C-alpha atoms as a PDB file:
ATOM      1  CA  MET A   1      49.596  70.776 -14.112  1.00  0.00           C
ATOM      2  CA  LYS A   2      46.864  68.112 -13.927  1.00  0.00           C
ATOM      3  CA  THR A   3      46.997  65.937 -10.851  1.00  0.00           C
ATOM      4  CA  VAL A   4      46.130  62.247 -11.311  1.00  0.00           C
ATOM      5  CA  PRO A   5      44.630  60.717  -8.144  1.00  0.00           C
ATOM      6  CA  ARG A   6      46.156  57.553  -6.851  1.00  0.00           C
ATOM      7  CA  GLU A   7      44.149  54.299  -6.832  1.00  0.00           C
ATOM      8  CA  GLY A   8      42.114  54.065  -3.683  1.00  0.00           C
ATOM      9  CA  SER A   9      42.285  57.813  -3.059  1.00  0.00           C
ATOM     10  CA  LEU A  10      38.682  58.388  -4.122  1.00  0.00           C
ATOM     11  CA  CYS A  11      36.230  58.348  -1.224  1.00  0.00           C
ATOM     12  CA  PRO A  12      32.918  56.393  -1.347  1.00  0.00           C
ATOM     13  CA  GLY A  13      30.208  58.385  -3.053  1.00  0.00           C
ATOM     14  CA  HIS A  14      32.670  60.167  -5.341  1.00  0.00           C
ATOM     15  CA  ARG A  15      31.975  59.651  -9.018  1.00  0.00           C
ATOM     16  CA  SER A  16      34.853  57.685 -10.385  1.00  0.00           C
ATOM     17  CA  ARG A  17      35.984  58.156 -13.938  1.00  0.00           C
ATOM     18  CA  GLU A  18      36.602  54.409 -14.110  1.00  0.00           C
ATOM     19  CA  PRO A  19      33.107  52.803 -14.261  1.00  0.00           C
ATOM     20  CA  TRP A  20      34.553  49.292 -13.964  1.00  0.00           C
ATOM     21  CA  ARG A  21      35.646  49.977 -10.402  1.00  0.00           C
ATOM     22  CA  ARG A  22      33.474  50.164  -7.277  1.00  0.00           C
ATOM     23  CA  TRP A  23      34.130  50.719  -3.602  1.00  0.00           C
ATOM     24  CA  ILE A  24      33.915  47.660  -1.320  1.00  0.00           C
ATOM     25  CA  THR A  25      33.759  48.087   2.470  1.00  0.00           C
ATOM     26  CA  SER A  26      34.878  45.165   4.583  1.00  0.00           C
ATOM     27  CA  GLU A  27      36.580  44.464   7.883  1.00  0.00           C
ATOM     28  CA  GLU A  28      39.930  45.160   6.243  1.00  0.00           C
ATOM     29  CA  GLY A  29      38.838  48.672   5.262  1.00  0.00           C
ATOM     30  CA  THR A  30      37.615  50.321   2.120  1.00  0.00           C
ATOM     31  CA  ARG A  31      38.932  49.038  -1.181  1.00  0.00           C
ATOM     32  CA  GLN A  32      38.048  49.108  -4.858  1.00  0.00           C
ATOM     33  CA  GLU A  33      36.939  46.083  -6.858  1.00  0.00           C
ATOM     34  CA  ASP A  34      37.594  45.768 -10.515  1.00  0.00           C
ATOM     35  CA  LEU A  35      34.335  45.195 -12.403  1.00  0.00           C
ATOM     36  CA  SER A  36      35.752  45.154 -15.877  1.00  0.00           C
ATOM     37  CA  GLU A  37      34.090  42.718 -18.319  1.00  0.00           C
ATOM     38  CA  PRO A  38      36.774  39.963 -18.083  1.00  0.00           C
ATOM     39  CA  LYS A  39      36.467  39.971 -14.312  1.00  0.00           C
ATOM     40  CA  GLN A  40      32.661  39.772 -14.478  1.00  0.00           C
ATOM     41  CA  VAL A  41      32.782  36.806 -16.867  1.00  0.00           C
ATOM     42  CA  GLU A  42      35.308  35.052 -14.664  1.00  0.00           C
ATOM     43  CA  GLN A  43      33.196  35.601 -11.538  1.00  0.00           C
ATOM     44  CA  LYS A  44      30.023  34.349 -13.247  1.00  0.00           C
ATOM     45  CA  SER A  45      31.878  31.276 -14.461  1.00  0.00           C
ATOM     46  CA  LYS A  46      32.982  30.538 -10.922  1.00  0.00           C
ATOM     47  CA  ASP A  47      29.420  30.965  -9.608  1.00  0.00           C
ATOM     48  CA  LEU A  48      28.005  28.644 -12.286  1.00  0.00           C
ATOM     49  CA  ALA A  49      30.666  26.051 -11.596  1.00  0.00           C
ATOM     50  CA  ALA A  50      29.842  26.152  -7.875  1.00  0.00           C
ATOM     51  CA  LYS A  51      26.130  25.751  -8.577  1.00  0.00           C
ATOM     52  CA  ASP A  52      26.786  22.892 -11.004  1.00  0.00           C
ATOM     53  CA  LYS A  53      28.864  21.165  -8.350  1.00  0.00           C
ATOM     54  CA  GLU A  54      26.093  21.642  -5.774  1.00  0.00           C
ATOM     55  CA  ILE A  55      23.451  20.270  -8.190  1.00  0.00           C
ATOM     56  CA  THR A  56      25.643  17.264  -8.948  1.00  0.00           C
ATOM     57  CA  GLU A  57      26.137  16.546  -5.253  1.00  0.00           C
ATOM     58  CA  LEU A  58      22.395  16.845  -4.536  1.00  0.00           C
ATOM     59  CA  THR A  59      21.552  14.635  -7.524  1.00  0.00           C
ATOM     60  CA  ASP A  60      23.996  11.958  -6.369  1.00  0.00           C
ATOM     61  CA  ALA A  61      22.565  12.110  -2.837  1.00  0.00           C
ATOM     62  CA  LEU A  62      19.020  11.760  -4.202  1.00  0.00           C
ATOM     63  CA  LYS A  63      20.029   8.786  -6.329  1.00  0.00           C
ATOM     64  CA  ARG A  64      21.657   7.091  -3.346  1.00  0.00           C
ATOM     65  CA  LEU A  65      18.547   7.754  -1.225  1.00  0.00           C
ATOM     66  CA  GLN A  66      16.282   6.336  -3.938  1.00  0.00           C
ATOM     67  CA  ALA A  67      18.474   3.249  -4.278  1.00  0.00           C
ATOM     68  CA  ASP A  68      18.436   2.726  -0.508  1.00  0.00           C
ATOM     69  CA  PHE A  69      14.638   2.999  -0.486  1.00  0.00           C
ATOM     70  CA  GLU A  70      14.274   0.473  -3.310  1.00  0.00           C
ATOM     71  CA  ASN A  71      16.567  -1.934  -1.477  1.00  0.00           C
ATOM     72  CA  PHE A  72      14.508  -1.436   1.698  1.00  0.00           C
ATOM     73  CA  LYS A  73      11.292  -2.234  -0.180  1.00  0.00           C
ATOM     74  CA  LYS A  74      12.791  -5.395  -1.637  1.00  0.00           C
ATOM     75  CA  ARG A  75      14.084  -6.542   1.762  1.00  0.00           C
ATOM     76  CA  ASN A  76      10.719  -5.794   3.353  1.00  0.00           C
ATOM     77  CA  GLU A  77       8.805  -7.741   0.687  1.00  0.00           C
ATOM     78  CA  LYS A  78      11.223 -10.653   1.021  1.00  0.00           C
ATOM     79  CA  ASP A  79      10.905 -10.670   4.819  1.00  0.00           C
ATOM     80  CA  TRP A  80       7.106 -10.548   4.571  1.00  0.00           C
ATOM     81  CA  THR A  81       7.073 -13.447   2.111  1.00  0.00           C
ATOM     82  CA  GLU A  82       9.289 -15.476   4.431  1.00  0.00           C
ATOM     83  CA  ARG A  83       7.044 -14.729   7.417  1.00  0.00           C
ATOM     84  CA  VAL A  84       3.970 -15.837   5.457  1.00  0.00           C
ATOM     85  CA  LYS A  85       5.716 -19.062   4.475  1.00  0.00           C
ATOM     86  CA  VAL A  86       6.677 -19.759   8.074  1.00  0.00           C
ATOM     87  CA  ALA A  87       3.120 -19.046   9.249  1.00  0.00           C
ATOM     88  CA  ASN A  88       1.668 -21.381   6.600  1.00  0.00           C
ATOM     89  CA  GLN A  89       4.193 -24.043   7.529  1.00  0.00           C
ATOM     90  CA  GLN A  90       3.187 -23.838  11.188  1.00  0.00           C
ATOM     91  CA  LEU A  91      -0.497 -24.091  10.260  1.00  0.00           C
ATOM     92  CA  MET A  92       0.193 -27.171   8.166  1.00  0.00           C
ATOM     93  CA  VAL A  93       2.095 -28.743  11.058  1.00  0.00           C
ATOM     94  CA  ASP A  94      -0.880 -28.071  13.348  1.00  0.00           C
ATOM     95  CA  LEU A  95      -3.306 -29.641  10.854  1.00  0.00           C
ATOM     96  CA  LEU A  96      -1.315 -32.825  10.288  1.00  0.00           C
ATOM     97  CA  PRO A  97      -2.731 -34.561  13.423  1.00  0.00           C
ATOM     98  CA  VAL A  98      -6.246 -33.800  12.168  1.00  0.00           C
ATOM     99  CA  LEU A  99      -5.367 -35.337   8.820  1.00  0.00           C
ATOM    100  CA  ASP A 100      -4.021 -38.425  10.600  1.00  0.00           C
ATOM    101  CA  SER A 101      -7.302 -38.688  12.530  1.00  0.00           C
ATOM    102  CA  PHE A 102      -9.294 -38.514   9.287  1.00  0.00           C
ATOM    103  CA  ASP A 103      -7.182 -41.296   7.802  1.00  0.00           C
ATOM    104  CA  LYS A 104      -7.752 -43.451  10.864  1.00  0.00           C
ATOM    105  CA  ALA A 105     -11.498 -42.721  10.855  1.00  0.00           C
ATOM    106  CA  ILE A 106     -11.773 -43.774   7.212  1.00  0.00           C
ATOM    107  CA  GLU A 107      -9.994 -47.049   7.940  1.00  0.00           C
ATOM    108  CA  ASP A 108     -12.225 -47.732  10.965  1.00  0.00           C
ATOM    109  CA  ALA A 109     -15.406 -46.928   8.996  1.00  0.00           C
ATOM    110  CA  LYS A 110     -14.648 -49.688   6.484  1.00  0.00           C
ATOM    111  CA  ASP A 111     -15.172 -52.406   9.111  1.00  0.00           C
ATOM    112  CA  ASN A 112     -17.776 -50.549  11.190  1.00  0.00           C
ATOM    113  CA  SER A 113     -21.453 -50.766  10.331  1.00  0.00           C
ATOM    114  CA  ASN A 114     -22.657 -48.839  13.388  1.00  0.00           C
ATOM    115  CA  PRO A 115     -23.874 -45.365  12.278  1.00  0.00           C
ATOM    116  CA  ALA A 116     -23.821 -44.059  15.851  1.00  0.00           C
ATOM    117  CA  ALA A 117     -20.133 -44.907  16.236  1.00  0.00           C
ATOM    118  CA  ILE A 118     -19.308 -43.270  12.896  1.00  0.00           C
ATOM    119  CA  LYS A 119     -21.226 -40.130  13.912  1.00  0.00           C
ATOM    120  CA  LYS A 120     -19.390 -40.003  17.226  1.00  0.00           C
ATOM    121  CA  GLY A 121     -16.054 -40.326  15.454  1.00  0.00           C
ATOM    122  CA  LEU A 122     -16.933 -37.486  13.045  1.00  0.00           C
ATOM    123  CA  GLU A 123     -17.944 -35.257  15.929  1.00  0.00           C
ATOM    124  CA  GLY A 124     -14.602 -35.938  17.587  1.00  0.00           C
ATOM    125  CA  LEU A 125     -12.777 -35.022  14.381  1.00  0.00           C
ATOM    126  CA  HIS A 126     -14.774 -31.814  14.126  1.00  0.00           C
ATOM    127  CA  ARG A 127     -13.855 -30.815  17.665  1.00  0.00           C
ATOM    128  CA  GLN A 128     -10.178 -31.580  17.055  1.00  0.00           C
ATOM    129  CA  PHE A 129     -10.136 -29.611  13.804  1.00  0.00           C
ATOM    130  CA  PHE A 130     -11.919 -26.597  15.289  1.00  0.00           C
ATOM    131  CA  ARG A 131      -9.636 -26.477  18.334  1.00  0.00           C
ATOM    132  CA  THR A 132      -6.621 -26.493  16.041  1.00  0.00           C
ATOM    133  CA  LEU A 133      -8.003 -23.517  14.149  1.00  0.00           C
ATOM    134  CA  GLN A 134      -8.886 -21.761  17.410  1.00  0.00           C
ATOM    135  CA  ARG A 135      -5.240 -21.873  18.453  1.00  0.00           C
ATOM    136  CA  ASP A 136      -4.441 -19.839  15.347  1.00  0.00           C
ATOM    137  CA  GLY A 137      -7.059 -17.178  16.182  1.00  0.00           C
ATOM    138  CA  LEU A 138     -10.243 -18.510  14.569  1.00  0.00           C
ATOM    139  CA  LYS A 139     -13.503 -17.619  16.352  1.00  0.00           C
ATOM    140  CA  GLU A 140     -17.099 -18.454  15.534  1.00  0.00           C
ATOM    141  CA  ILE A 141     -19.419 -15.465  15.143  1.00  0.00           C
ATOM    142  CA  SER A 142     -22.284 -15.511  17.619  1.00  0.00           C
ATOM    143  CA  THR A 143     -25.800 -15.631  16.174  1.00  0.00           C
ATOM    144  CA  GLU A 144     -27.647 -15.184  19.451  1.00  0.00           C
ATOM    145  CA  GLY A 145     -29.837 -12.129  19.775  1.00  0.00           C
ATOM    146  CA  LYS A 146     -30.083  -9.283  17.312  1.00  0.00           C
ATOM    147  CA  PHE A 147     -28.879  -8.978  13.738  1.00  0.00           C
ATOM    148  CA  ASP A 148     -25.520  -7.168  13.394  1.00  0.00           C
ATOM    149  CA  PRO A 149     -24.791  -5.930   9.850  1.00  0.00           C
ATOM    150  CA  PHE A 150     -21.041  -5.906  10.552  1.00  0.00           C
ATOM    151  CA  VAL A 151     -20.821  -9.676  11.147  1.00  0.00           C
ATOM    152  CA  HIS A 152     -24.154 -11.039   9.830  1.00  0.00           C
ATOM    153  CA  GLU A 153     -25.661 -11.299   6.367  1.00  0.00           C
ATOM    154  CA  ALA A 154     -29.458 -11.501   6.085  1.00  0.00           C
ATOM    155  CA  LEU A 155     -30.517 -13.903   3.334  1.00  0.00           C
ATOM    156  CA  MET A 156     -34.214 -13.978   4.299  1.00  0.00           C
ATOM    157  CA  ARG A 157     -36.713 -11.984   6.367  1.00  0.00           C
ATOM    158  CA  GLU A 158     -39.833 -13.428   7.918  1.00  0.00           C
ATOM    159  CA  GLU A 159     -42.753 -11.514   9.436  1.00  0.00           C
ATOM    160  CA  ARG A 160     -43.410 -12.519  13.027  1.00  0.00           C
ATOM    161  CA  GLU A 161     -45.781 -11.120  15.628  1.00  0.00           C
ATOM    162  CA  ASP A 162     -44.157 -12.845  18.612  1.00  0.00           C
ATOM    163  CA  LEU A 163     -40.598 -11.542  17.983  1.00  0.00           C
ATOM    164  CA  GLU A 164     -38.890  -8.187  17.770  1.00  0.00           C
ATOM    165  CA  ASP A 165     -37.627  -6.729  14.537  1.00  0.00           C
ATOM    166  CA  GLY A 166     -34.052  -7.915  13.849  1.00  0.00           C
ATOM    167  CA  ASP A 167     -34.159 -11.129  15.910  1.00  0.00           C
ATOM    168  CA  ILE A 168     -32.223 -13.978  14.287  1.00  0.00           C
ATOM    169  CA  LEU A 169     -34.496 -16.921  13.469  1.00  0.00           C
ATOM    170  CA  GLU A 170     -32.227 -19.380  11.673  1.00  0.00           C
ATOM    171  CA  VAL A 171     -28.571 -19.803  10.717  1.00  0.00           C
ATOM    172  CA  PHE A 172     -27.935 -20.967   7.162  1.00  0.00           C
ATOM    173  CA  GLN A 173     -24.135 -20.815   7.366  1.00  0.00           C
ATOM    174  CA  LYS A 174     -21.820 -20.122  10.288  1.00  0.00           C
ATOM    175  CA  GLY A 175     -19.557 -17.098  10.209  1.00  0.00           C
ATOM    176  CA  TYR A 176     -15.993 -16.826  11.484  1.00  0.00           C
ATOM    177  CA  MET A 177     -13.486 -14.209  12.614  1.00  0.00           C
ATOM    178  CA  LEU A 178      -9.703 -14.375  12.542  1.00  0.00           C
ATOM    179  CA  ASN A 179      -8.635 -12.695  15.772  1.00  0.00           C
ATOM    180  CA  SER A 180     -10.856  -9.588  15.641  1.00  0.00           C
ATOM    181  CA  ARG A 181     -11.370  -9.377  11.856  1.00  0.00           C
ATOM    182  CA  PRO A 182     -14.453 -10.988  10.229  1.00  0.00           C
ATOM    183  CA  ILE A 183     -13.389 -13.286   7.395  1.00  0.00           C
ATOM    184  CA  ARG A 184     -16.869 -14.641   6.597  1.00  0.00           C
ATOM    185  CA  PRO A 185     -20.240 -13.304   7.795  1.00  0.00           C
ATOM    186  CA  ALA A 186     -22.855 -15.547   9.338  1.00  0.00           C
ATOM    187  CA  ARG A 187     -25.717 -16.003   6.861  1.00  0.00           C
ATOM    188  CA  VAL A 188     -29.027 -15.934   8.698  1.00  0.00           C
ATOM    189  CA  LYS A 189     -32.819 -15.501   8.530  1.00  0.00           C
ATOM    190  CA  VAL A 190     -34.049 -12.402  10.367  1.00  0.00           C
ATOM    191  CA  ALA A 191     -37.440 -11.648  11.936  1.00  0.00           C
ATOM    192  CA  LYS A 192     -39.468  -8.708  10.732  1.00  0.00           C
ATOM    193  CA  ARG A 193     -42.058  -7.323  13.101  1.00  0.00           C
ATOM    194  CA  LYS A 194     -45.521  -7.758  11.606  1.00  0.00           C
ATOM    195  CA  GLU A 195     -47.336  -4.476  11.782  1.00  0.00           C
ATOM    196  CA  GLY A 196     -50.885  -4.596  13.187  1.00  0.00           C
ATOM    197  CA  GLU A 197     -53.930  -3.126  11.452  1.00  0.00           C
ATOM    198  CA  PRO A 198     -54.742   0.530  12.153  1.00  0.00           C
ATOM    199  CA  GLU A 199     -57.118   1.251  15.008  1.00  0.00           C
ATOM    200  CA  ASP A 200     -59.713   2.978  12.810  1.00  0.00           C
ATOM    201  CA  LEU A 201     -59.924  -0.026  10.483  1.00  0.00           C
ATOM    202  CA  ARG A 202     -60.336  -2.456  13.370  1.00  0.00           C
ATOM    203  CA  GLY A 203     -63.041  -0.203  14.852  1.00  0.00           C
ATOM    204  CA  LYS A 204     -64.852   0.036  11.535  1.00  0.00           C
ATOM    205  CA  GLU A 205     -64.813  -3.738  11.114  1.00  0.00           C
ATOM    206  CA  GLY A 206     -66.216  -4.126  14.635  1.00  0.00           C
ATOM    207  CA  HIS A 207     -69.079  -1.737  13.908  1.00  0.00           C
ATOM    208  CA  ASP A 208     -69.857  -3.535  10.646  1.00  0.00           C
ATOM    209  CA  VAL A 209     -70.056  -6.880  12.444  1.00  0.00           C
ATOM    210  CA  HIS A 210     -72.333  -5.400  15.119  1.00  0.00           C
ATOM    211  CA  ASP A 211     -74.637  -3.837  12.504  1.00  0.00           C
ATOM    212  CA  ASN A 212     -74.842  -7.103  10.586  1.00  0.00           C
ATOM    213  CA  HIS A 213     -75.762  -8.937  13.789  1.00  0.00           C
ATOM    214  CA  ILE A 214     -78.571  -6.469  14.519  1.00  0.00           C
ATOM    215  CA  ASN A 215     -79.891  -6.764  10.966  1.00  0.00           C
ATOM    216  CA  GLU A 216     -79.923 -10.546  11.220  1.00  0.00           C
ATOM    217  CA  GLU A 217     -81.919 -10.409  14.480  1.00  0.00           C
ATOM    218  CA  THR A 218     -84.421  -8.009  12.908  1.00  0.00           C
ATOM    219  CA  ASP A 219     -84.915 -10.276   9.894  1.00  0.00           C
ATOM    220  CA  ASN A 220     -85.456 -13.280  12.166  1.00  0.00           C
ATOM    221  CA  GLU A 221     -88.144 -11.423  14.151  1.00  0.00           C
ATOM    222  CA  GLU A 222     -89.960 -10.412  10.966  1.00  0.00           C
ATOM    223  CA  GLU A 223     -89.919 -13.977   9.664  1.00  0.00           C
ATOM    224  CA  ALA A 224     -91.329 -15.233  12.994  1.00  0.00           C
ATOM    225  CA  GLN A 225     -94.198 -12.692  12.828  1.00  0.00           C
ATOM    226  CA  ASP A 226     -95.022 -13.722   9.250  1.00  0.00           C
ATOM    227  CA  GLU A 227     -95.275 -17.365  10.276  1.00  0.00           C
ATOM    228  CA  ARG A 228     -97.767 -16.464  12.985  1.00  0.00           C
END
């Protein structure tokens, strides 16, 4: 009589006659799992559904993050535009007294024929205007001393023997900085050291002059003897 083993009676490692079953060891003990084709299809469907759900959740999170970033950019650009407008408004408020002074100077110049008084008034306006700009961070670039390529622009070079190479000779246009950033370079004329003649050439010229002097003295002596 053929004995049919009960389900779960086969030990791990034993070749089962049912290829769609396999042994699974877990904390609950050893059990068999049905790997028949319907079960495999069902398990794969569940895995795909889980992955699709995960992809959908990640895609939604990415879309929300992208939308938040776009909103942040728009808010930042709007805030920056507002700050620029406020800064320009404050600058205009600071310049209004200078504009009032110009208006007053023009009215006074109509009845004033004294050039010295007009010049003095213009100098006062210049000082007022420059101080207003200084309060907002404007600084004049110094042109004393040597040429600095970071803040100066050389428009001309002039050979000089009495100055060092790179000394500033003349300022064509003043330069300015806003806080610590140059906004316009100072345009200047720069000295170029005039190179002297080589020593051997100067020595040769000296010998030629000496020889010519001796020849002239010899010719004079010969002429004096002929006259005698």
